[in-house]
Amino acid sequence: MSITMNLYYTGKNGSARKFAEEMEQSGTADLIRKEAGNERYEYFFPMNDDETVLLIDSWKDQKSLDIHHASPMMKTIAELREKYDLHMRAERYVSDEAGIPASDSKFIKE
C-alpha cells in the first residue's frame, strides 16, 4: 500500500513556482526524496494556472509519512510556505493493491 498526497500550492505573482524552485535548488526536495519510505516527490505546473504548483508526494505507508511529518524538514517547508505566502489544498490517495484492472489496461500504452 502506498499513500500519495497531491498538494496544490497557490500564491500570487509566481510565488508558488519560486517556492518549488527554492525547494529544489536548496536541496530540501532531494533530502525528502532520500527519506526512508519516500517513493515520489515531484513538482508539476498546471498549464491553465500560472499561480499553482502541484506536488505529488508518495510514501510507502502511513508510518513513513508520519515520520516525515515529525521531521525537522517540515519546519523548513513551513517557513518557505510562509516566505512565499502560499495557500494549500490537499488530496489523499491510497493505492489499490490489486493494481490496474484488465478492463482499464486496454487504455494504457506502455
C-alpha atoms as a PDB file:
ATOM      1  CA  MET A   1       0.000   0.000   0.000  1.00  0.00           C
ATOM      2  CA  SER A   2       1.273   3.453  -0.892  1.00  0.00           C
ATOM      3  CA  ILE A   3      -0.104   6.789   0.234  1.00  0.00           C
ATOM      4  CA  THR A   4       0.004   9.628  -2.267  1.00  0.00           C
ATOM      5  CA  MET A   5      -0.659  13.233  -1.400  1.00  0.00           C
ATOM      6  CA  ASN A   6      -1.453  15.741  -4.120  1.00  0.00           C
ATOM      7  CA  LEU A   7      -0.616  19.110  -2.618  1.00  0.00           C
ATOM      8  CA  TYR A   8      -1.651  22.212  -4.528  1.00  0.00           C
ATOM      9  CA  TYR A   9       0.336  25.309  -3.556  1.00  0.00           C
ATOM     10  CA  THR A  10      -1.209  28.580  -4.725  1.00  0.00           C
ATOM     11  CA  GLY A  11       0.195  32.079  -4.438  1.00  0.00           C
ATOM     12  CA  LYS A  12       0.493  35.343  -6.337  1.00  0.00           C
ATOM     13  CA  ASN A  13       2.996  36.786  -8.807  1.00  0.00           C
ATOM     14  CA  GLY A  14       4.745  33.465  -9.408  1.00  0.00           C
ATOM     15  CA  SER A  15       5.398  32.755  -5.737  1.00  0.00           C
ATOM     16  CA  ALA A  16       4.327  29.099  -5.932  1.00  0.00           C
ATOM     17  CA  ARG A  17       6.816  28.415  -8.707  1.00  0.00           C
ATOM     18  CA  LYS A  18       9.525  30.302  -6.770  1.00  0.00           C
ATOM     19  CA  PHE A  19       8.745  28.108  -3.736  1.00  0.00           C
ATOM     20  CA  ALA A  20       9.183  24.923  -5.803  1.00  0.00           C
ATOM     21  CA  GLU A  21      12.393  26.269  -7.328  1.00  0.00           C
ATOM     22  CA  GLU A  22      13.812  27.055  -3.886  1.00  0.00           C
ATOM     23  CA  MET A  23      12.809  23.606  -2.597  1.00  0.00           C
ATOM     24  CA  GLU A  24      14.800  22.081  -5.479  1.00  0.00           C
ATOM     25  CA  GLN A  25      17.775  24.469  -5.526  1.00  0.00           C
ATOM     26  CA  SER A  26      18.276  24.379  -1.751  1.00  0.00           C
ATOM     27  CA  GLY A  27      18.435  20.578  -1.770  1.00  0.00           C
ATOM     28  CA  THR A  28      15.406  20.276   0.514  1.00  0.00           C
ATOM     29  CA  ALA A  29      13.427  18.276  -2.055  1.00  0.00           C
ATOM     30  CA  ASP A  30      16.345  15.875  -2.544  1.00  0.00           C
ATOM     31  CA  LEU A  31      16.620  15.342   1.213  1.00  0.00           C
ATOM     32  CA  ILE A  32      12.925  14.434   1.326  1.00  0.00           C
ATOM     33  CA  ARG A  33      13.376  12.034  -1.601  1.00  0.00           C
ATOM     34  CA  LYS A  34      16.099  10.278   0.426  1.00  0.00           C
ATOM     35  CA  GLU A  35      13.899   9.807   3.500  1.00  0.00           C
ATOM     36  CA  ALA A  36      13.031   6.205   4.307  1.00  0.00           C
ATOM     37  CA  GLY A  37       9.696   5.303   2.745  1.00  0.00           C
ATOM     38  CA  ASN A  38       9.544   8.140   0.215  1.00  0.00           C
ATOM     39  CA  GLU A  39       8.542   6.836  -3.198  1.00  0.00           C
ATOM     40  CA  ARG A  40       7.975  10.065  -5.114  1.00  0.00           C
ATOM     41  CA  TYR A  41       8.397  13.798  -4.582  1.00  0.00           C
ATOM     42  CA  GLU A  42       7.830  15.785  -7.776  1.00  0.00           C
ATOM     43  CA  TYR A  43       6.539  19.235  -8.670  1.00  0.00           C
ATOM     44  CA  PHE A  44       4.279  19.886 -11.667  1.00  0.00           C
ATOM     45  CA  PHE A  45       2.909  23.091 -13.154  1.00  0.00           C
ATOM     46  CA  PRO A  46      -0.714  23.164 -14.388  1.00  0.00           C
ATOM     47  CA  MET A  47      -0.986  24.511 -17.921  1.00  0.00           C
ATOM     48  CA  ASN A  48      -4.090  26.573 -17.138  1.00  0.00           C
ATOM     49  CA  ASP A  49      -2.994  28.117 -13.810  1.00  0.00           C
ATOM     50  CA  ASP A  50       0.293  30.037 -13.564  1.00  0.00           C
ATOM     51  CA  GLU A  51      -0.188  30.629  -9.842  1.00  0.00           C
ATOM     52  CA  THR A  52      -0.435  26.991  -8.714  1.00  0.00           C
ATOM     53  CA  VAL A  53       2.134  24.226  -8.311  1.00  0.00           C
ATOM     54  CA  LEU A  54       1.175  20.589  -7.795  1.00  0.00           C
ATOM     55  CA  LEU A  55       3.376  18.426  -5.594  1.00  0.00           C
ATOM     56  CA  ILE A  56       2.891  14.669  -5.906  1.00  0.00           C
ATOM     57  CA  ASP A  57       4.281  13.176  -2.700  1.00  0.00           C
ATOM     58  CA  SER A  58       4.110   9.371  -2.244  1.00  0.00           C
ATOM     59  CA  TRP A  59       5.073   7.274   0.762  1.00  0.00           C
ATOM     60  CA  LYS A  60       5.390   3.537   1.359  1.00  0.00           C
ATOM     61  CA  ASP A  61       2.948   3.591   4.274  1.00  0.00           C
ATOM     62  CA  GLN A  62       1.385   5.772   6.966  1.00  0.00           C
ATOM     63  CA  LYS A  63       4.294   5.195   9.350  1.00  0.00           C
ATOM     64  CA  SER A  64       6.761   6.622   6.797  1.00  0.00           C
ATOM     65  CA  LEU A  65       4.521   9.636   6.236  1.00  0.00           C
ATOM     66  CA  ASP A  66       4.136  10.188   9.991  1.00  0.00           C
ATOM     67  CA  ILE A  67       7.923  10.094  10.474  1.00  0.00           C
ATOM     68  CA  HIS A  68       8.301  12.656   7.668  1.00  0.00           C
ATOM     69  CA  HIS A  69       5.668  14.902   9.257  1.00  0.00           C
ATOM     70  CA  ALA A  70       7.539  14.745  12.583  1.00  0.00           C
ATOM     71  CA  SER A  71      10.909  15.538  10.993  1.00  0.00           C
ATOM     72  CA  PRO A  72      12.723  18.901  11.107  1.00  0.00           C
ATOM     73  CA  MET A  73      12.125  19.047   7.335  1.00  0.00           C
ATOM     74  CA  MET A  74       8.531  20.124   7.993  1.00  0.00           C
ATOM     75  CA  LYS A  75       9.756  23.292   9.734  1.00  0.00           C
ATOM     76  CA  THR A  76      11.814  24.166   6.655  1.00  0.00           C
ATOM     77  CA  ILE A  77       8.819  23.585   4.379  1.00  0.00           C
ATOM     78  CA  ALA A  78       6.500  25.634   6.624  1.00  0.00           C
ATOM     79  CA  GLU A  79       8.981  28.526   6.684  1.00  0.00           C
ATOM     80  CA  LEU A  80       9.201  28.529   2.889  1.00  0.00           C
ATOM     81  CA  ARG A  81       5.405  28.413   2.559  1.00  0.00           C
ATOM     82  CA  GLU A  82       5.215  31.465   4.801  1.00  0.00           C
ATOM     83  CA  LYS A  83       8.022  33.215   2.924  1.00  0.00           C
ATOM     84  CA  TYR A  84       6.058  32.867  -0.322  1.00  0.00           C
ATOM     85  CA  ASP A  85       2.620  33.376   1.315  1.00  0.00           C
ATOM     86  CA  LEU A  86       1.204  30.161  -0.131  1.00  0.00           C
ATOM     87  CA  HIS A  87      -2.165  28.576   0.451  1.00  0.00           C
ATOM     88  CA  MET A  88      -2.694  24.839   0.119  1.00  0.00           C
ATOM     89  CA  ARG A  89      -5.244  22.276  -0.891  1.00  0.00           C
ATOM     90  CA  ALA A  90      -4.589  18.574  -0.326  1.00  0.00           C
ATOM     91  CA  GLU A  91      -5.908  15.334  -1.755  1.00  0.00           C
ATOM     92  CA  ARG A  92      -5.014  11.932  -0.302  1.00  0.00           C
ATOM     93  CA  TYR A  93      -4.992   8.644  -2.220  1.00  0.00           C
ATOM     94  CA  VAL A  94      -4.242   5.096  -1.108  1.00  0.00           C
ATOM     95  CA  SER A  95      -3.019   2.676  -3.739  1.00  0.00           C
ATOM     96  CA  ASP A  96      -5.131  -0.245  -4.821  1.00  0.00           C
ATOM     97  CA  GLU A  97      -3.148  -3.395  -4.069  1.00  0.00           C
ATOM     98  CA  ALA A  98      -4.872  -5.204  -6.939  1.00  0.00           C
ATOM     99  CA  GLY A  99      -3.370  -2.810  -9.483  1.00  0.00           C
ATOM    100  CA  ILE A 100      -4.970  -1.701 -12.730  1.00  0.00           C
ATOM    101  CA  PRO A 101      -7.973  -3.834 -13.717  1.00  0.00           C
ATOM    102  CA  ALA A 102      -7.788  -5.612 -17.076  1.00  0.00           C
ATOM    103  CA  SER A 103     -10.795  -3.580 -18.243  1.00  0.00           C
ATOM    104  CA  ASP A 104      -8.745  -0.378 -17.811  1.00  0.00           C
ATOM    105  CA  SER A 105      -5.392  -1.675 -19.040  1.00  0.00           C
ATOM    106  CA  LYS A 106      -6.504  -1.608 -22.690  1.00  0.00           C
ATOM    107  CA  PHE A 107      -6.485   2.209 -22.476  1.00  0.00           C
ATOM    108  CA  ILE A 108      -2.859   2.379 -21.304  1.00  0.00           C
ATOM    109  CA  LYS A 109       0.004   2.297 -23.772  1.00  0.00           C
ATOM    110  CA  GLU A 110       3.292   1.324 -22.185  1.00  0.00           C
END
